[in-house]
């Protein structure tokens, strides 16, 4: 296995972590997050957990292509997702509201917890071979004061949008009657640097879901597949190989993925105009991850998972 860096750390960041290895990055008070179960198994690697709502926004192929950079617009591998009962005339755009938690290296908390929200475009034929699946992230909302995370994300060519999150330390919060879970993202155009922190009431994204008895309209295997496809941004020469494990204590037994349904309101620049996507379905789950980063994308040709825990 390759030495592993966090997806969101710049190449120099790992050396900084080694230099300050006795320091501990603070963790959030995430009440729905579970401890990293593999930190002692892979002490020489960056590991952690991703607690998220991961939902499928079924859109038309022309609309999906319009959201992608022109050089990727015709690279959608429709045949790769039809086996998951998705019609080839539609595209499974993925919306994730996330908190990365208990991120460890050498069994210390190497990076403090952080929230994010983004669209992910899976099943892209980045290499032009007709079968290797990659996922693209063009824009991502991140906290403005987590410089390591911002620098690492921008190294991939993804555009970072500074934002504040409600709740600030979880991927969702329950309503008073515990019937729904919600998440909101606020940003302000007056934020001029990554270090400037200013509360804003400019809502740029929000989600509202309720639990469902089953995971639908696609099986859990779909989510295993898309969360293990190599990641890339606008710098399409380098990729991140984030291995999402679905067979650890964070996502099995009492913590198995839970089906959800609801709606999301998304504003530009993630979409051309403010749009409310209704009736979208997916899961809420806390998955464990290991990451190998800054790899030549060509080295991930044909990547299809490594075993039972991450193959879809």
Protein backbone atom coordinates (compact mmCIF):
# COMPACT_ATOMS: atom_id res chain seq x y z
CA UNK A 1 0.00 0.00 0.00
CA UNK A 2 1.24 3.49 -0.84
CA UNK A 3 2.06 6.01 1.92
CA UNK A 4 -1.17 7.83 2.53
CA UNK A 5 -1.98 11.51 2.80
CA UNK A 6 -5.31 13.12 3.44
CA UNK A 7 -7.20 14.08 0.30
CA UNK A 8 -7.35 17.66 1.56
CA UNK A 9 -3.70 18.15 2.57
CA UNK A 10 -1.15 19.87 0.38
CA UNK A 11 2.02 17.84 -0.26
CA UNK A 12 3.98 19.91 2.27
CA UNK A 13 1.38 19.40 4.94
CA UNK A 14 2.44 15.88 5.86
CA UNK A 15 5.95 17.11 6.66
CA UNK A 16 4.42 19.80 8.84
CA UNK A 17 2.44 17.13 10.65
CA UNK A 18 5.59 15.14 11.28
CA UNK A 19 7.28 18.23 12.70
CA UNK A 20 4.46 18.83 15.17
CA UNK A 21 3.54 15.20 15.83
CA UNK A 22 3.23 15.79 19.55
CA UNK A 23 0.40 18.29 19.02
CA UNK A 24 -3.21 17.21 18.76
CA UNK A 25 -5.68 18.86 16.43
CA UNK A 26 -9.00 19.52 18.17
CA UNK A 27 -11.96 17.31 17.38
CA UNK A 28 -15.51 18.57 17.07
CA UNK A 29 -18.37 17.77 19.40
CA UNK A 30 -20.08 15.68 16.73
CA UNK A 31 -22.64 13.63 18.64
CA UNK A 32 -23.43 11.39 15.65
CA UNK A 33 -19.78 10.63 14.81
CA UNK A 34 -18.00 7.45 15.88
CA UNK A 35 -14.28 7.05 16.69
CA UNK A 36 -11.83 6.13 13.95
CA UNK A 37 -11.61 2.30 14.20
CA UNK A 38 -8.53 1.78 12.00
CA UNK A 39 -6.08 4.37 13.36
CA UNK A 40 -4.06 1.73 15.21
CA UNK A 41 -4.33 -0.73 12.30
CA UNK A 42 -2.79 1.77 9.85
CA UNK A 43 -0.69 4.05 12.10
CA UNK A 44 1.55 5.16 9.21
CA UNK A 45 -1.41 6.28 7.11
CA UNK A 46 -3.95 9.08 7.23
CA UNK A 47 -7.26 7.58 8.31
CA UNK A 48 -10.55 8.87 9.67
CA UNK A 49 -14.31 8.71 9.37
CA UNK A 50 -16.74 10.52 7.10
CA UNK A 51 -20.18 11.05 8.58
CA UNK A 52 -22.46 12.13 5.75
CA UNK A 53 -25.77 12.30 4.04
CA UNK A 54 -25.09 10.94 0.56
CA UNK A 55 -27.98 11.41 -1.85
CA UNK A 56 -28.64 10.82 -5.54
CA UNK A 57 -30.01 13.67 -7.61
CA UNK A 58 -31.27 12.05 -10.82
CA UNK A 59 -30.94 14.61 -13.61
CA UNK A 60 -31.06 14.47 -17.39
CA UNK A 61 -27.83 13.75 -19.24
CA UNK A 62 -27.86 17.15 -21.00
CA UNK A 63 -28.23 18.93 -17.64
CA UNK A 64 -25.42 16.88 -16.08
CA UNK A 65 -23.14 17.66 -19.01
CA UNK A 66 -23.94 21.37 -18.69
CA UNK A 67 -22.63 21.33 -15.10
CA UNK A 68 -19.34 19.72 -16.06
CA UNK A 69 -16.35 21.49 -17.63
CA UNK A 70 -16.59 21.08 -21.39
CA UNK A 71 -13.58 18.74 -21.56
CA UNK A 72 -15.37 16.23 -19.27
CA UNK A 73 -18.92 16.72 -20.53
CA UNK A 74 -18.84 13.76 -22.94
CA UNK A 75 -17.00 11.37 -20.62
CA UNK A 76 -20.02 10.01 -18.70
CA UNK A 77 -20.01 6.20 -18.72
CA UNK A 78 -23.76 5.52 -18.78
CA UNK A 79 -23.25 1.76 -19.07
CA UNK A 80 -21.37 1.78 -15.76
CA UNK A 81 -24.40 2.77 -13.69
CA UNK A 82 -27.31 1.10 -15.49
CA UNK A 83 -26.58 -2.07 -13.50
CA UNK A 84 -27.78 -0.13 -10.45
CA UNK A 85 -31.28 0.28 -11.98
CA UNK A 86 -30.62 3.81 -13.23
CA UNK A 87 -32.00 4.61 -16.67
CA UNK A 88 -29.28 5.51 -19.22
CA UNK A 89 -31.11 8.75 -20.13
CA UNK A 90 -30.52 10.06 -16.61
CA UNK A 91 -27.39 10.71 -14.54
CA UNK A 92 -26.84 10.09 -10.79
CA UNK A 93 -25.41 13.40 -9.58
CA UNK A 94 -24.29 12.89 -5.98
CA UNK A 95 -24.83 15.47 -3.23
CA UNK A 96 -22.92 14.99 0.02
CA UNK A 97 -23.05 16.97 3.26
CA UNK A 98 -20.10 15.75 5.28
CA UNK A 99 -18.01 16.02 8.40
CA UNK A 100 -14.52 14.47 8.33
CA UNK A 101 -13.89 13.26 11.88
CA UNK A 102 -11.07 11.84 14.02
CA UNK A 103 -8.47 12.24 11.26
CA UNK A 104 -5.31 10.49 12.42
CA UNK A 105 -1.70 9.98 11.47
CA UNK A 106 0.71 8.01 13.72
CA UNK A 107 -2.37 7.59 15.92
CA UNK A 108 -2.62 11.29 16.72
CA UNK A 109 -5.33 13.70 15.60
CA UNK A 110 -3.47 15.19 12.67
CA UNK A 111 -6.15 17.52 11.24
CA UNK A 112 -9.08 19.03 13.06
CA UNK A 113 -12.58 17.96 12.05
CA UNK A 114 -14.16 19.90 9.21
CA UNK A 115 -17.51 20.08 7.43
CA UNK A 116 -18.14 20.37 3.71
CA UNK A 117 -20.83 20.09 1.07
CA UNK A 118 -20.31 19.34 -2.62
CA UNK A 119 -21.67 17.78 -5.77
CA UNK A 120 -19.69 14.76 -6.94
CA UNK A 121 -19.84 13.56 -10.54
CA UNK A 122 -19.14 9.80 -10.59
CA UNK A 123 -18.72 7.38 -13.52
CA UNK A 124 -16.48 9.63 -15.61
CA UNK A 125 -14.15 8.18 -18.23
CA UNK A 126 -11.18 10.38 -17.34
CA UNK A 127 -8.63 8.13 -19.06
CA UNK A 128 -10.68 7.54 -22.19
CA UNK A 129 -10.48 3.75 -21.92
CA UNK A 130 -14.23 3.20 -21.71
CA UNK A 131 -14.27 1.42 -18.35
CA UNK A 132 -12.17 3.14 -15.64
CA UNK A 133 -14.56 5.13 -13.41
CA UNK A 134 -13.49 8.39 -11.77
CA UNK A 135 -15.44 11.05 -9.83
CA UNK A 136 -15.04 14.80 -10.25
CA UNK A 137 -15.44 17.61 -7.70
CA UNK A 138 -15.48 21.10 -9.20
CA UNK A 139 -16.72 23.18 -6.26
CA UNK A 140 -16.70 22.49 -2.55
CA UNK A 141 -17.80 24.56 0.45
CA UNK A 142 -15.26 24.43 3.29
CA UNK A 143 -14.63 26.34 6.55
CA UNK A 144 -12.54 29.46 5.79
CA UNK A 145 -10.07 28.95 8.63
CA UNK A 146 -8.88 25.39 7.93
CA UNK A 147 -5.86 26.31 5.81
CA UNK A 148 -4.43 22.79 5.50
CA UNK A 149 -7.70 21.48 4.12
CA UNK A 150 -8.15 24.41 1.74
CA UNK A 151 -4.61 24.18 0.35
CA UNK A 152 -4.88 20.45 -0.18
CA UNK A 153 -8.20 20.76 -1.98
CA UNK A 154 -6.97 23.53 -4.26
CA UNK A 155 -3.95 21.39 -5.21
CA UNK A 156 -6.41 19.17 -7.10
CA UNK A 157 -7.85 22.14 -8.94
CA UNK A 158 -11.20 22.11 -7.12
CA UNK A 159 -12.59 25.56 -6.30
CA UNK A 160 -12.96 26.18 -2.56
CA UNK A 161 -15.92 28.31 -1.46
CA UNK A 162 -15.56 29.58 2.14
CA UNK A 163 -18.67 28.89 4.21
CA UNK A 164 -20.15 28.37 7.65
CA UNK A 165 -22.30 25.41 8.55
CA UNK A 166 -25.37 24.77 10.68
CA UNK A 167 -24.75 22.58 12.54
CA UNK A 168 -21.03 23.42 12.59
CA UNK A 169 -19.91 20.02 13.88
CA UNK A 170 -22.18 17.43 12.25
CA UNK A 171 -23.60 16.59 8.81
CA UNK A 172 -27.15 17.19 10.05
CA UNK A 173 -29.22 18.09 13.06
CA UNK A 174 -32.61 16.82 14.15
CA UNK A 175 -35.68 19.02 14.20
CA UNK A 176 -37.49 19.47 17.48
CA UNK A 177 -39.81 16.55 16.83
CA UNK A 178 -36.92 14.36 15.58
CA UNK A 179 -38.84 13.67 12.38
CA UNK A 180 -36.44 15.43 10.01
CA UNK A 181 -32.73 16.09 9.76
CA UNK A 182 -31.42 19.33 8.28
CA UNK A 183 -28.17 20.98 7.22
CA UNK A 184 -27.52 24.57 6.09
CA UNK A 185 -24.56 26.34 4.49
CA UNK A 186 -23.95 30.10 4.67
CA UNK A 187 -21.50 32.16 2.64
CA UNK A 188 -20.77 35.81 1.98
CA UNK A 189 -19.17 37.45 -1.04
CA UNK A 190 -17.42 39.89 1.28
CA UNK A 191 -15.14 37.12 2.56
CA UNK A 192 -11.85 38.14 0.96
CA UNK A 193 -9.42 35.56 2.27
CA UNK A 194 -9.28 32.11 3.80
CA UNK A 195 -8.40 33.65 7.16
CA UNK A 196 -11.26 36.12 7.38
CA UNK A 197 -14.13 34.82 9.50
CA UNK A 198 -17.49 36.55 9.32
CA UNK A 199 -20.92 35.14 10.09
CA UNK A 200 -23.29 35.56 7.17
CA UNK A 201 -26.99 35.09 6.62
CA UNK A 202 -26.59 34.37 2.92
CA UNK A 203 -27.94 30.83 2.58
CA UNK A 204 -26.27 29.00 -0.32
CA UNK A 205 -27.31 25.40 0.31
CA UNK A 206 -29.62 23.46 2.58
CA UNK A 207 -30.92 19.92 2.96
CA UNK A 208 -33.90 18.40 4.75
CA UNK A 209 -34.44 14.64 4.96
CA UNK A 210 -36.43 12.03 6.83
CA UNK A 211 -35.65 8.36 7.38
CA UNK A 212 -37.17 5.70 5.13
CA UNK A 213 -37.61 1.96 5.76
CA UNK A 214 -35.36 0.97 2.85
CA UNK A 215 -32.39 2.19 0.86
CA UNK A 216 -33.74 3.07 -2.58
CA UNK A 217 -33.91 3.48 -5.53
CA UNK A 218 -30.43 1.93 -5.72
CA UNK A 219 -28.74 -0.72 -3.53
CA UNK A 220 -26.01 -0.08 -0.97
CA UNK A 221 -23.56 -1.45 -3.54
CA UNK A 222 -24.06 1.78 -5.54
CA UNK A 223 -22.84 3.88 -2.62
CA UNK A 224 -19.88 1.58 -2.04
CA UNK A 225 -18.99 2.00 -5.70
CA UNK A 226 -19.21 5.78 -5.97
CA UNK A 227 -17.40 6.46 -2.68
CA UNK A 228 -14.45 4.37 -3.85
CA UNK A 229 -13.98 5.82 -7.32
CA UNK A 230 -10.75 7.86 -7.54
CA UNK A 231 -11.25 11.61 -7.11
CA UNK A 232 -10.03 14.44 -9.31
CA UNK A 233 -10.59 18.17 -9.82
CA UNK A 234 -9.70 20.56 -12.62
CA UNK A 235 -6.07 19.47 -12.35
CA UNK A 236 -6.89 16.14 -13.98
CA UNK A 237 -3.32 14.82 -13.93
CA UNK A 238 -3.35 13.97 -10.22
CA UNK A 239 -5.98 11.97 -8.37
CA UNK A 240 -6.83 10.90 -4.85
CA UNK A 241 -7.58 7.28 -4.07
CA UNK A 242 -9.90 7.49 -1.10
CA UNK A 243 -10.71 3.99 0.13
CA UNK A 244 -14.09 4.01 1.90
CA UNK A 245 -14.54 1.00 4.16
CA UNK A 246 -18.14 -0.11 4.72
CA UNK A 247 -17.45 -3.13 6.94
CA UNK A 248 -16.06 -1.47 10.07
CA UNK A 249 -17.80 -0.63 13.33
CA UNK A 250 -18.84 2.81 12.05
CA UNK A 251 -21.22 1.44 9.40
CA UNK A 252 -22.35 -2.01 10.50
CA UNK A 253 -24.79 -3.41 13.06
CA UNK A 254 -26.65 -0.65 14.89
CA UNK A 255 -24.78 1.91 12.76
CA UNK A 256 -25.62 0.42 9.37
CA UNK A 257 -26.53 2.94 6.64
CA UNK A 258 -30.04 4.38 6.96
CA UNK A 259 -32.18 5.26 3.95
CA UNK A 260 -33.34 8.89 3.66
CA UNK A 261 -35.57 10.95 1.38
CA UNK A 262 -36.12 14.69 1.14
CA UNK A 263 -35.02 17.82 -0.65
CA UNK A 264 -32.05 20.09 -1.18
CA UNK A 265 -31.86 23.76 -2.13
CA UNK A 266 -28.66 24.62 -4.02
CA UNK A 267 -27.50 28.04 -5.27
CA UNK A 268 -24.80 29.10 -7.76
CA UNK A 269 -22.05 28.35 -8.52
CA UNK A 270 -22.82 24.66 -7.94
CA UNK A 271 -25.77 25.09 -10.31
CA UNK A 272 -26.50 27.91 -12.81
CA UNK A 273 -29.48 29.20 -10.82
CA UNK A 274 -30.99 28.46 -7.43
CA UNK A 275 -32.70 25.08 -7.65
CA UNK A 276 -34.71 22.97 -5.23
CA UNK A 277 -34.29 19.25 -5.87
CA UNK A 278 -37.24 17.36 -4.36
CA UNK A 279 -37.79 13.68 -3.73
CA UNK A 280 -34.10 12.87 -3.70
CA UNK A 281 -33.04 9.67 -1.94
CA UNK A 282 -29.89 8.27 -0.43
CA UNK A 283 -28.36 7.29 2.89
CA UNK A 284 -26.97 8.72 6.07
CA UNK A 285 -23.94 6.78 7.21
CA UNK A 286 -20.59 7.07 8.95
CA UNK A 287 -17.92 5.41 6.80
CA UNK A 288 -14.27 4.82 7.61
CA UNK A 289 -11.61 5.91 5.16
CA UNK A 290 -7.96 5.45 4.23
CA UNK A 291 -6.40 7.69 1.58
CA UNK A 292 -3.58 7.54 -0.90
CA UNK A 293 -3.13 10.90 -2.54
CA UNK A 294 -1.44 12.88 -5.28
CA UNK A 295 -1.20 9.87 -7.57
CA UNK A 296 -0.97 10.05 -11.35
CA UNK A 297 -4.54 9.44 -12.49
CA UNK A 298 -3.27 6.96 -15.07
CA UNK A 299 -1.97 4.76 -12.25
CA UNK A 300 -5.57 4.19 -11.15
CA UNK A 301 -6.66 2.73 -14.47
CA UNK A 302 -9.28 0.04 -13.94
CA UNK A 303 -9.53 0.68 -10.18
CA UNK A 304 -12.44 -1.29 -8.76
CA UNK A 305 -11.92 -1.50 -5.01
CA UNK A 306 -9.64 -3.74 -3.00
CA UNK A 307 -11.91 -6.13 -1.13
CA UNK A 308 -15.16 -6.86 0.64
CA UNK A 309 -15.22 -3.65 2.63
CA UNK A 310 -14.98 -1.21 -0.25
CA UNK A 311 -16.05 -2.98 -3.45
CA UNK A 312 -19.44 -2.18 -4.97
